[in-house]
Amino acid sequence: MPEKRELDAGATAAYAHLFHVLADPARLSIVQHLASGEHRVRDLVDHIGLAQSTVSKHLSHLRECELVSVRTEGRASWFSLAEPRLLADVIASTERLLRATGTPASLCGHIHALMSEPSR
């Protein structure tokens, strides 16, 4: 009989939290926009069409998971993907899994451009 392994509750919670953050369509839209480069909240509001407070809340969730970083310049805050290549790898793996399970889907070209960049 195979050895029974205990689940790592901390790792399970970390994975669940990350997948929960990435499960929201608005947050995925923000990720897609940030894949093209830095944006201010106001830029994201214009692109996505959500209220400023809603975009800020979603950015807060993405920052909490350290998927997004912020750079302050004067009174402006510029947001960017913290690990763009690693996030592109996750998205590429997700696309392969979706294809394998009969639901082919692909996110925007900005993400695909990250996938073709050499690793840093």
Protein backbone atom coordinates (compact mmCIF):
# COMPACT_ATOMS: atom_id res chain seq x y z
CA MET A 1 0.00 0.00 0.00
CA PRO A 2 1.40 3.44 -0.92
CA GLU A 3 2.53 5.68 1.89
CA LYS A 4 -0.17 8.12 2.96
CA ARG A 5 1.03 11.72 2.65
CA GLU A 6 -0.31 14.61 4.66
CA LEU A 7 -1.44 17.66 2.73
CA ASP A 8 0.45 20.88 3.30
CA ALA A 9 -2.34 23.19 4.49
CA GLY A 10 -0.20 26.31 4.08
CA ALA A 11 0.73 25.48 0.49
CA THR A 12 -2.87 24.57 -0.31
CA ALA A 13 -4.07 27.91 1.07
CA ALA A 14 -1.39 29.84 -0.87
CA TYR A 15 -2.36 28.15 -4.15
CA ALA A 16 -6.06 28.70 -3.49
CA HIS A 17 -5.47 32.38 -2.74
CA LEU A 18 -3.43 32.91 -5.91
CA PHE A 19 -5.98 31.12 -8.09
CA HIS A 20 -8.80 33.07 -6.41
CA VAL A 21 -7.08 36.37 -7.23
CA LEU A 22 -6.56 35.31 -10.85
CA ALA A 23 -10.13 34.00 -11.15
CA ASP A 24 -11.73 37.44 -11.34
CA PRO A 25 -12.34 38.69 -14.91
CA ALA A 26 -11.63 42.32 -13.97
CA ARG A 27 -8.29 41.37 -12.44
CA LEU A 28 -7.40 39.35 -15.54
CA SER A 29 -8.24 42.42 -17.63
CA ILE A 30 -5.88 44.48 -15.49
CA VAL A 31 -3.15 41.84 -15.89
CA GLN A 32 -3.63 41.92 -19.67
CA HIS A 33 -3.30 45.71 -19.76
CA LEU A 34 -0.25 45.67 -17.50
CA ALA A 35 1.38 43.10 -19.79
CA SER A 36 1.83 45.96 -22.27
CA GLY A 37 3.65 48.10 -19.69
CA GLU A 38 3.11 50.40 -16.74
CA HIS A 39 -0.28 52.02 -16.20
CA ARG A 40 -1.76 54.45 -13.73
CA VAL A 41 -5.12 53.71 -12.11
CA ARG A 42 -6.66 56.40 -14.31
CA ASP A 43 -5.32 54.68 -17.45
CA LEU A 44 -6.79 51.36 -16.32
CA VAL A 45 -10.13 53.01 -15.55
CA ASP A 46 -10.20 54.38 -19.12
CA HIS A 47 -9.22 51.02 -20.66
CA ILE A 48 -11.46 48.76 -18.59
CA GLY A 49 -14.41 51.06 -17.92
CA LEU A 50 -14.71 50.31 -14.21
CA ALA A 51 -14.92 52.87 -11.42
CA GLN A 52 -11.63 54.13 -9.99
CA SER A 53 -12.42 52.62 -6.58
CA THR A 54 -13.09 49.22 -8.18
CA VAL A 55 -9.84 49.26 -10.16
CA SER A 56 -7.94 50.30 -7.01
CA LYS A 57 -9.53 47.43 -5.07
CA HIS A 58 -8.53 44.92 -7.75
CA LEU A 59 -4.98 46.30 -7.85
CA SER A 60 -4.84 45.90 -4.08
CA HIS A 61 -5.67 42.19 -4.43
CA LEU A 62 -3.03 41.76 -7.14
CA ARG A 63 -0.45 43.58 -5.01
CA GLU A 64 -1.33 41.43 -1.99
CA CYS A 65 -0.24 38.36 -3.98
CA GLU A 66 2.81 40.29 -5.22
CA LEU A 67 1.69 39.90 -8.83
CA VAL A 68 1.73 43.67 -9.32
CA SER A 69 4.22 46.26 -8.13
CA VAL A 70 3.87 50.01 -7.85
CA ARG A 71 6.29 52.83 -8.57
CA THR A 72 5.57 56.35 -7.35
CA GLU A 73 6.51 59.31 -9.50
CA GLY A 74 5.47 62.61 -7.99
CA ARG A 75 1.77 62.28 -7.22
CA ALA A 76 1.27 59.46 -9.71
CA SER A 77 1.48 55.75 -8.96
CA TRP A 78 2.52 53.51 -11.83
CA PHE A 79 1.54 49.85 -11.69
CA SER A 80 3.31 47.01 -13.48
CA LEU A 81 3.52 43.23 -13.42
CA ALA A 82 6.01 42.19 -10.74
CA GLU A 83 7.07 38.97 -12.51
CA PRO A 84 5.79 39.29 -16.08
CA ARG A 85 7.62 36.25 -17.46
CA LEU A 86 6.50 33.96 -14.62
CA LEU A 87 2.91 35.14 -14.97
CA ALA A 88 3.11 34.55 -18.73
CA ASP A 89 4.28 30.98 -17.97
CA VAL A 90 1.24 30.43 -15.72
CA ILE A 91 -1.07 31.74 -18.45
CA ALA A 92 0.62 29.57 -21.11
CA SER A 93 0.16 26.51 -18.89
CA THR A 94 -3.47 27.44 -18.32
CA GLU A 95 -4.05 27.77 -22.06
CA ARG A 96 -2.56 24.29 -22.61
CA LEU A 97 -4.80 22.86 -19.87
CA LEU A 98 -7.88 24.57 -21.31
CA ARG A 99 -7.05 23.21 -24.77
CA ALA A 100 -6.53 19.71 -23.37
CA THR A 101 -9.91 19.83 -21.62
CA GLY A 102 -11.78 21.00 -24.71
CA THR A 103 -12.01 24.73 -24.02
CA PRO A 104 -9.44 26.47 -26.19
CA ALA A 105 -8.96 30.05 -25.03
CA SER A 106 -6.22 32.61 -25.29
CA LEU A 107 -5.61 35.90 -23.53
CA CYS A 108 -4.43 39.04 -25.32
CA GLY A 109 -1.38 39.44 -27.50
CA HIS A 110 0.45 41.42 -24.79
CA ILE A 111 0.63 38.26 -22.69
CA HIS A 112 1.84 36.26 -25.69
CA ALA A 113 4.54 38.84 -26.33
CA LEU A 114 5.79 38.24 -22.76
CA MET A 115 5.90 34.52 -23.46
CA SER A 116 8.27 35.05 -26.36
CA GLU A 117 10.66 37.28 -24.39
CA PRO A 118 13.83 35.61 -23.13
CA SER A 119 13.88 34.82 -19.40
CA ARG A 120 15.67 37.28 -17.19
